[in-house]
């Protein structure tokens, strides 16, 4: 049984499951525009400071139809879903689209949006991927300035330092509360499933941040985190899955195999809430610092930094959470993760940390196949942890 208040949780689950309906309702209530952004590094605070609702556009659960003719089948499920949503009108609620990251597939999907909805502005300011070169900070500040001009034109509101500082404070508060849930889960004293944790984070990406924080506080204040998890459960760290969330039913299957998920580095998880924006410097500079800092707090395979790497971070995280192994969730055709995974595997193998790779797709789940693989993985970990009796 979950520790979460069911009534409050249902409000977040509804928004997470259907962000477009939530955005339509918010727009009708407030009369303000809704601006969509794409993963993984656009600073929502900048849009919020204009008075618009910032929404990280999500992968739709509906089967892809029209989108099949707009992008190749070897594009990832998230980008094909974006193309499909644009083609069938599901993105019409958005008044504009902004992005600060790119992969070839995401740019293809954004081009489809430009073609399908030509009346809606689309602005792309690419953040530099090299994080610690002498020019990196200046490049990021320049892009923040470009994004500022664009969102001001879209909404018709000037982003003052005061408005941005207030937005930063609101988003930091929200992230800090979400990290409290993560801390309790790592300690094993909060009964919360992986899909519930995903809902808490995903809903923060699509809801009015003050409304979301108020509901989070109801959930947090109602917790009684005192139930230690059974020792029979194998503690697992979930890794990978950029851009789109793993399907909740996949997370449920994993946990049904005797797994306790104690931590993750998923985008719809700790990666999204890992880093606060500094509140003691100029707020526009602070957004640039946030972007550079978050690759330290939660390194990503899409970024290059000499003194930071994802595999070392992952090994260290396992020590902190006492996880017994790693399950890597990889969206089919996700090139950044496909290219980085061998480094992750090599590092985990080097530390004798068990790892299981599960590839996911937009439609369908080979449930029994996944269940068999996870059960085998769990059994392997249990055997490795058992003590061999001495013959002496």
Protein backbone atom coordinates (compact mmCIF):
# COMPACT_ATOMS: atom_id res chain seq x y z
CA UNK A 1 0.00 0.00 0.00
CA UNK A 2 1.32 3.46 -0.91
CA UNK A 3 2.05 6.12 1.73
CA UNK A 4 0.64 8.86 -0.52
CA UNK A 5 -2.65 10.61 0.12
CA UNK A 6 -4.88 9.18 -2.65
CA UNK A 7 -6.96 12.32 -3.19
CA UNK A 8 -3.96 14.63 -3.58
CA UNK A 9 -2.04 12.09 -5.63
CA UNK A 10 -4.99 11.72 -8.04
CA UNK A 11 -4.75 15.42 -8.92
CA UNK A 12 -1.12 15.00 -9.98
CA UNK A 13 -1.79 11.72 -11.75
CA UNK A 14 -4.56 13.31 -13.82
CA UNK A 15 -2.31 16.12 -15.05
CA UNK A 16 0.59 13.75 -15.71
CA UNK A 17 -1.61 11.39 -17.71
CA UNK A 18 -3.24 14.12 -19.82
CA UNK A 19 -1.11 17.30 -19.91
CA UNK A 20 -3.01 18.73 -22.90
CA UNK A 21 -6.36 18.69 -21.07
CA UNK A 22 -4.69 20.26 -18.03
CA UNK A 23 -3.16 22.99 -20.23
CA UNK A 24 -6.51 23.66 -21.91
CA UNK A 25 -8.17 24.06 -18.50
CA UNK A 26 -5.38 26.34 -17.21
CA UNK A 27 -5.57 28.48 -20.34
CA UNK A 28 -9.36 28.83 -20.03
CA UNK A 29 -9.05 29.80 -16.36
CA UNK A 30 -6.27 32.35 -16.73
CA UNK A 31 -6.46 33.58 -20.31
CA UNK A 32 -2.67 33.34 -20.51
CA UNK A 33 -0.67 31.53 -23.20
CA UNK A 34 0.84 28.06 -22.93
CA UNK A 35 4.40 27.56 -24.21
CA UNK A 36 5.71 24.08 -24.93
CA UNK A 37 9.35 23.12 -24.53
CA UNK A 38 11.30 19.99 -25.31
CA UNK A 39 13.73 17.93 -23.19
CA UNK A 40 16.09 18.08 -21.49
CA UNK A 41 17.53 21.46 -20.50
CA UNK A 42 15.12 24.28 -21.31
CA UNK A 43 14.77 26.55 -18.21
CA UNK A 44 11.04 26.63 -17.50
CA UNK A 45 11.60 29.55 -15.13
CA UNK A 46 12.16 31.84 -18.12
CA UNK A 47 8.74 31.07 -19.60
CA UNK A 48 7.06 31.22 -16.20
CA UNK A 49 8.44 34.74 -15.65
CA UNK A 50 6.36 35.95 -18.61
CA UNK A 51 3.12 34.78 -17.01
CA UNK A 52 2.71 31.91 -19.48
CA UNK A 53 2.42 28.25 -18.48
CA UNK A 54 5.63 26.36 -19.29
CA UNK A 55 4.95 22.75 -20.29
CA UNK A 56 7.51 20.09 -21.17
CA UNK A 57 5.76 18.36 -24.07
CA UNK A 58 5.23 14.69 -23.31
CA UNK A 59 5.10 11.52 -25.37
CA UNK A 60 1.44 10.68 -26.03
CA UNK A 61 0.10 7.27 -25.06
CA UNK A 62 -2.03 7.08 -28.22
CA UNK A 63 -0.79 4.84 -31.06
CA UNK A 64 1.12 6.66 -33.80
CA UNK A 65 -0.92 7.01 -37.00
CA UNK A 66 -0.31 10.11 -39.12
CA UNK A 67 3.18 10.46 -37.72
CA UNK A 68 4.28 7.24 -39.42
CA UNK A 69 4.43 9.05 -42.74
CA UNK A 70 6.21 12.11 -41.36
CA UNK A 71 9.29 10.60 -39.72
CA UNK A 72 11.21 7.38 -40.42
CA UNK A 73 10.42 4.30 -38.35
CA UNK A 74 13.98 4.35 -37.02
CA UNK A 75 13.35 7.56 -35.10
CA UNK A 76 12.70 7.10 -31.38
CA UNK A 77 9.17 6.77 -30.07
CA UNK A 78 9.18 10.22 -28.45
CA UNK A 79 10.02 12.08 -31.66
CA UNK A 80 7.57 10.03 -33.76
CA UNK A 81 4.91 10.74 -31.15
CA UNK A 82 5.64 14.48 -31.35
CA UNK A 83 5.21 14.38 -35.12
CA UNK A 84 1.97 12.47 -34.74
CA UNK A 85 0.59 14.83 -32.08
CA UNK A 86 1.33 17.80 -34.35
CA UNK A 87 -0.33 16.14 -37.34
CA UNK A 88 -3.55 15.18 -35.52
CA UNK A 89 -3.96 18.50 -33.70
CA UNK A 90 -3.03 17.43 -30.15
CA UNK A 91 -0.48 20.27 -29.89
CA UNK A 92 -2.92 23.02 -30.90
CA UNK A 93 -3.27 24.22 -27.30
CA UNK A 94 0.32 25.48 -27.36
CA UNK A 95 0.90 29.07 -28.44
CA UNK A 96 4.58 28.56 -29.20
CA UNK A 97 7.41 26.04 -28.93
CA UNK A 98 10.95 26.51 -27.60
CA UNK A 99 13.95 24.24 -27.28
CA UNK A 100 17.54 24.50 -26.11
CA UNK A 101 18.78 21.00 -26.94
CA UNK A 102 18.97 18.95 -30.03
CA UNK A 103 19.53 15.52 -31.37
CA UNK A 104 18.99 14.75 -35.04
CA UNK A 105 15.73 13.00 -34.30
CA UNK A 106 14.35 15.81 -32.13
CA UNK A 107 15.19 18.39 -34.78
CA UNK A 108 13.31 16.25 -37.30
CA UNK A 109 10.25 16.22 -35.05
CA UNK A 110 10.46 19.98 -34.54
CA UNK A 111 10.62 20.47 -38.32
CA UNK A 112 7.42 18.45 -38.60
CA UNK A 113 5.80 20.75 -36.02
CA UNK A 114 6.92 23.79 -38.04
CA UNK A 115 5.38 22.23 -41.15
CA UNK A 116 2.16 21.00 -39.51
CA UNK A 117 1.43 24.10 -37.41
CA UNK A 118 3.03 26.98 -39.36
CA UNK A 119 1.07 29.60 -37.42
CA UNK A 120 2.85 28.78 -34.14
CA UNK A 121 6.33 30.27 -33.43
CA UNK A 122 9.17 27.81 -32.90
CA UNK A 123 12.45 29.03 -31.43
CA UNK A 124 15.64 26.99 -31.19
CA UNK A 125 18.64 28.24 -29.20
CA UNK A 126 21.07 25.36 -28.91
CA UNK A 127 22.95 25.07 -25.63
CA UNK A 128 26.58 24.13 -26.07
CA UNK A 129 27.36 20.47 -25.28
CA UNK A 130 30.98 21.06 -24.24
CA UNK A 131 30.60 22.11 -20.63
CA UNK A 132 34.04 23.21 -19.45
CA UNK A 133 35.75 24.98 -22.32
CA UNK A 134 36.81 28.61 -21.76
CA UNK A 135 33.99 29.85 -23.96
CA UNK A 136 31.24 27.57 -22.56
CA UNK A 137 29.85 30.00 -19.99
CA UNK A 138 29.70 32.90 -22.45
CA UNK A 139 28.00 30.70 -25.05
CA UNK A 140 25.31 29.62 -22.61
CA UNK A 141 24.70 33.18 -21.41
CA UNK A 142 24.30 34.26 -25.02
CA UNK A 143 21.70 31.56 -25.61
CA UNK A 144 19.83 32.51 -22.45
CA UNK A 145 19.67 36.05 -23.82
CA UNK A 146 18.33 34.77 -27.13
CA UNK A 147 15.66 32.70 -25.40
CA UNK A 148 14.69 35.68 -23.26
CA UNK A 149 14.06 37.85 -26.31
CA UNK A 150 12.04 35.10 -27.96
CA UNK A 151 9.72 34.32 -25.05
CA UNK A 152 9.18 38.04 -24.46
CA UNK A 153 8.04 38.42 -28.09
CA UNK A 154 5.84 35.34 -27.88
CA UNK A 155 4.00 36.39 -24.74
CA UNK A 156 4.32 40.17 -25.07
CA UNK A 157 5.75 40.55 -21.56
CA UNK A 158 9.18 41.79 -20.53
CA UNK A 159 11.07 39.38 -18.27
CA UNK A 160 12.45 41.58 -15.53
CA UNK A 161 15.08 40.40 -13.07
CA UNK A 162 12.49 40.58 -10.30
CA UNK A 163 9.97 38.40 -12.13
CA UNK A 164 12.63 35.86 -13.04
CA UNK A 165 13.99 35.76 -9.49
CA UNK A 166 10.49 35.01 -8.21
CA UNK A 167 10.05 32.20 -10.76
CA UNK A 168 13.43 30.74 -9.80
CA UNK A 169 12.40 30.74 -6.14
CA UNK A 170 9.14 28.92 -6.92
CA UNK A 171 10.80 26.22 -9.05
CA UNK A 172 13.61 25.71 -6.51
CA UNK A 173 11.05 25.15 -3.76
CA UNK A 174 9.27 22.59 -5.91
CA UNK A 175 12.51 20.72 -6.69
CA UNK A 176 13.56 20.70 -3.04
CA UNK A 177 10.28 19.09 -1.97
CA UNK A 178 10.55 16.46 -4.69
CA UNK A 179 14.07 15.66 -3.56
CA UNK A 180 12.72 15.05 -0.05
CA UNK A 181 10.65 12.19 -1.49
CA UNK A 182 13.81 10.86 -3.13
CA UNK A 183 15.74 11.03 0.14
CA UNK A 184 13.04 9.07 1.97
CA UNK A 185 12.94 6.46 -0.79
CA UNK A 186 16.73 5.98 -0.69
CA UNK A 187 16.46 5.42 3.06
CA UNK A 188 13.84 2.74 2.41
CA UNK A 189 11.31 4.32 4.77
CA UNK A 190 8.83 5.63 2.17
CA UNK A 191 6.50 3.23 0.43
CA UNK A 192 6.25 4.73 -3.03
CA UNK A 193 6.36 2.85 -6.30
CA UNK A 194 8.55 3.83 -9.24
CA UNK A 195 5.48 4.79 -11.27
CA UNK A 196 4.19 7.00 -8.44
CA UNK A 197 7.56 8.74 -8.20
CA UNK A 198 7.46 9.25 -11.95
CA UNK A 199 4.02 10.84 -11.61
CA UNK A 200 5.28 13.31 -9.00
CA UNK A 201 8.08 14.48 -11.30
CA UNK A 202 6.18 14.33 -14.59
CA UNK A 203 3.29 16.38 -13.20
CA UNK A 204 5.77 19.07 -12.13
CA UNK A 205 6.80 19.38 -15.79
CA UNK A 206 3.28 20.20 -16.98
CA UNK A 207 1.40 21.90 -14.14
CA UNK A 208 1.32 25.43 -12.78
CA UNK A 209 4.27 25.28 -10.42
CA UNK A 210 2.53 26.93 -7.45
CA UNK A 211 -0.45 24.60 -7.74
CA UNK A 212 1.89 21.62 -8.01
CA UNK A 213 3.88 22.67 -4.96
CA UNK A 214 0.72 23.12 -2.88
CA UNK A 215 -0.37 19.54 -3.70
CA UNK A 216 3.14 18.21 -3.06
CA UNK A 217 3.08 19.78 0.40
CA UNK A 218 -0.22 18.02 1.14
CA UNK A 219 1.40 14.74 0.13
CA UNK A 220 4.58 15.35 2.10
CA UNK A 221 2.84 16.52 5.26
CA UNK A 222 0.66 13.41 5.24
CA UNK A 223 3.58 10.98 5.14
CA UNK A 224 4.42 8.66 8.00
CA UNK A 225 7.78 7.32 6.76
CA UNK A 226 8.53 4.65 9.31
CA UNK A 227 8.10 1.34 7.52
CA UNK A 228 11.39 -0.29 6.59
CA UNK A 229 11.32 -2.28 3.38
CA UNK A 230 11.57 -6.09 3.60
CA UNK A 231 15.14 -7.39 3.33
CA UNK A 232 13.99 -9.90 0.72
CA UNK A 233 13.62 -7.14 -1.89
CA UNK A 234 16.56 -6.44 -4.19
CA UNK A 235 17.45 -2.74 -4.25
CA UNK A 236 17.73 -1.39 -7.79
CA UNK A 237 18.82 1.86 -9.43
CA UNK A 238 16.94 2.70 -12.66
CA UNK A 239 19.12 4.40 -15.26
CA UNK A 240 18.72 5.90 -18.72
CA UNK A 241 15.54 6.88 -20.56
CA UNK A 242 16.08 10.43 -21.79
CA UNK A 243 13.21 12.63 -23.02
CA UNK A 244 10.25 10.29 -22.46
CA UNK A 245 9.16 8.45 -19.31
CA UNK A 246 9.23 4.66 -19.15
CA UNK A 247 5.73 3.22 -19.29
CA UNK A 248 4.24 2.81 -15.78
CA UNK A 249 3.27 -0.80 -16.53
CA UNK A 250 6.94 -1.58 -17.26
CA UNK A 251 7.95 -0.11 -13.90
CA UNK A 252 5.21 -2.17 -12.24
CA UNK A 253 6.46 -5.39 -13.87
CA UNK A 254 10.00 -4.69 -12.64
CA UNK A 255 8.82 -4.15 -9.07
CA UNK A 256 6.59 -7.24 -9.15
CA UNK A 257 9.78 -9.30 -9.57
CA UNK A 258 10.95 -8.65 -6.01
CA UNK A 259 12.59 -5.30 -6.76
CA UNK A 260 12.66 -2.18 -4.62
CA UNK A 261 13.57 0.84 -6.75
CA UNK A 262 15.63 3.07 -4.45
CA UNK A 263 17.01 5.63 -6.87
CA UNK A 264 17.20 6.63 -10.54
CA UNK A 265 18.86 8.98 -12.98
CA UNK A 266 15.92 9.13 -15.40
CA UNK A 267 14.90 12.42 -17.00
CA UNK A 268 11.39 11.90 -15.58
CA UNK A 269 13.07 11.36 -12.25
CA UNK A 270 16.06 12.62 -10.34
CA UNK A 271 17.80 14.08 -13.40
CA UNK A 272 15.00 16.65 -13.85
CA UNK A 273 15.03 17.85 -10.23
CA UNK A 274 18.71 17.40 -9.44
CA UNK A 275 19.80 21.03 -9.53
CA UNK A 276 18.49 24.30 -8.16
CA UNK A 277 19.07 27.64 -9.86
CA UNK A 278 21.32 29.88 -7.73
CA UNK A 279 19.33 32.61 -5.95
CA UNK A 280 22.25 34.81 -4.88
CA UNK A 281 23.42 36.04 -8.30
CA UNK A 282 21.89 37.87 -11.25
CA UNK A 283 18.93 35.67 -12.22
CA UNK A 284 19.83 35.54 -15.93
CA UNK A 285 23.38 34.47 -15.10
CA UNK A 286 21.87 32.01 -12.64
CA UNK A 287 20.06 30.17 -15.44
CA UNK A 288 23.38 29.70 -17.24
CA UNK A 289 25.01 28.45 -14.03
CA UNK A 290 22.11 26.03 -13.52
CA UNK A 291 22.66 24.52 -16.94
CA UNK A 292 26.39 24.06 -16.32
CA UNK A 293 25.91 22.79 -12.75
CA UNK A 294 23.30 20.15 -13.47
CA UNK A 295 25.73 18.12 -15.55
CA UNK A 296 27.81 17.86 -12.38
CA UNK A 297 24.87 16.92 -10.16
CA UNK A 298 23.42 14.43 -12.68
CA UNK A 299 25.82 13.87 -15.59
CA UNK A 300 24.33 13.13 -18.98
CA UNK A 301 25.66 11.10 -21.87
CA UNK A 302 24.80 13.97 -24.21
CA UNK A 303 27.29 16.35 -22.56
CA UNK A 304 31.10 16.48 -22.54
CA UNK A 305 33.02 17.50 -19.40
CA UNK A 306 36.58 16.54 -18.58
CA UNK A 307 36.15 16.07 -14.83
CA UNK A 308 32.66 14.56 -14.91
CA UNK A 309 31.30 11.39 -16.42
CA UNK A 310 28.05 9.51 -16.09
CA UNK A 311 29.58 6.11 -15.34
CA UNK A 312 31.63 7.34 -12.34
CA UNK A 313 28.59 9.23 -11.05
CA UNK A 314 26.46 6.11 -11.37
CA UNK A 315 28.92 3.92 -9.44
CA UNK A 316 29.09 6.54 -6.68
CA UNK A 317 25.28 6.86 -6.55
CA UNK A 318 24.95 3.13 -5.99
CA UNK A 319 27.13 3.43 -2.89
CA UNK A 320 24.90 6.21 -1.54
CA UNK A 321 21.64 4.30 -2.05
CA UNK A 322 23.02 0.82 -1.25
CA UNK A 323 21.57 -0.42 -4.53
CA UNK A 324 22.40 -4.01 -5.48
CA UNK A 325 22.29 -3.47 -9.22
CA UNK A 326 21.26 -1.31 -12.17
CA UNK A 327 18.49 -1.71 -14.71
CA UNK A 328 19.14 0.48 -17.73
CA UNK A 329 16.02 1.46 -19.67
CA UNK A 330 16.82 2.43 -23.25
CA UNK A 331 14.28 3.83 -25.72
CA UNK A 332 14.66 2.07 -29.03
CA UNK A 333 16.78 4.14 -31.46
CA UNK A 334 17.93 6.59 -28.73
CA UNK A 335 21.35 7.24 -30.23
CA UNK A 336 22.94 9.16 -27.30
CA UNK A 337 22.17 6.35 -24.88
CA UNK A 338 23.08 3.62 -27.39
CA UNK A 339 26.50 5.23 -27.88
CA UNK A 340 27.16 5.78 -24.17
CA UNK A 341 25.87 2.47 -22.82
CA UNK A 342 29.09 0.50 -23.51
CA UNK A 343 30.96 2.92 -21.22
CA UNK A 344 28.35 2.47 -18.50
CA UNK A 345 28.46 -1.31 -18.84
CA UNK A 346 32.26 -1.36 -18.73
CA UNK A 347 32.33 0.76 -15.55
CA UNK A 348 29.67 -1.33 -13.79
CA UNK A 349 31.33 -4.60 -14.78
CA UNK A 350 34.61 -3.22 -13.46
CA UNK A 351 33.02 -2.78 -10.04
CA UNK A 352 31.17 -6.13 -10.15
CA UNK A 353 27.82 -4.34 -10.22
CA UNK A 354 25.08 -6.36 -11.95
CA UNK A 355 23.37 -4.55 -14.81
CA UNK A 356 20.41 -5.44 -17.01
CA UNK A 357 19.53 -3.59 -20.23
CA UNK A 358 15.87 -3.36 -21.27
CA UNK A 359 14.99 -1.73 -24.57
CA UNK A 360 11.62 0.01 -24.71
CA UNK A 361 9.30 1.04 -27.53
CA UNK A 362 6.46 3.55 -27.93
CA UNK A 363 3.81 0.87 -28.41
CA UNK A 364 3.60 -2.52 -26.83
CA UNK A 365 5.37 -4.20 -23.95
CA UNK A 366 6.69 -7.75 -24.10
CA UNK A 367 5.57 -8.17 -20.51
CA UNK A 368 6.30 -11.84 -19.94
CA UNK A 369 9.67 -11.61 -21.65
CA UNK A 370 10.62 -8.62 -19.48
CA UNK A 371 9.33 -10.37 -16.37
CA UNK A 372 11.44 -13.46 -17.08
CA UNK A 373 14.58 -11.40 -17.66
CA UNK A 374 14.10 -9.31 -14.52
CA UNK A 375 13.31 -12.39 -12.39
CA UNK A 376 16.52 -14.02 -13.63
CA UNK A 377 18.46 -10.83 -12.92
CA UNK A 378 17.05 -10.60 -9.40
CA UNK A 379 17.83 -14.25 -8.70
CA UNK A 380 21.41 -13.73 -9.88
CA UNK A 381 21.82 -10.84 -7.45
CA UNK A 382 20.32 -12.82 -4.56
CA UNK A 383 22.69 -15.71 -5.19
CA UNK A 384 25.69 -13.41 -5.37
CA UNK A 385 24.69 -11.88 -2.01
CA UNK A 386 24.20 -15.20 -0.25
CA UNK A 387 27.00 -16.40 1.99
CA UNK A 388 28.79 -19.57 0.99
CA UNK A 389 29.12 -21.82 4.08
CA UNK A 390 32.66 -22.51 5.13
CA UNK A 391 33.87 -26.16 4.97
CA UNK A 392 36.37 -25.56 7.74
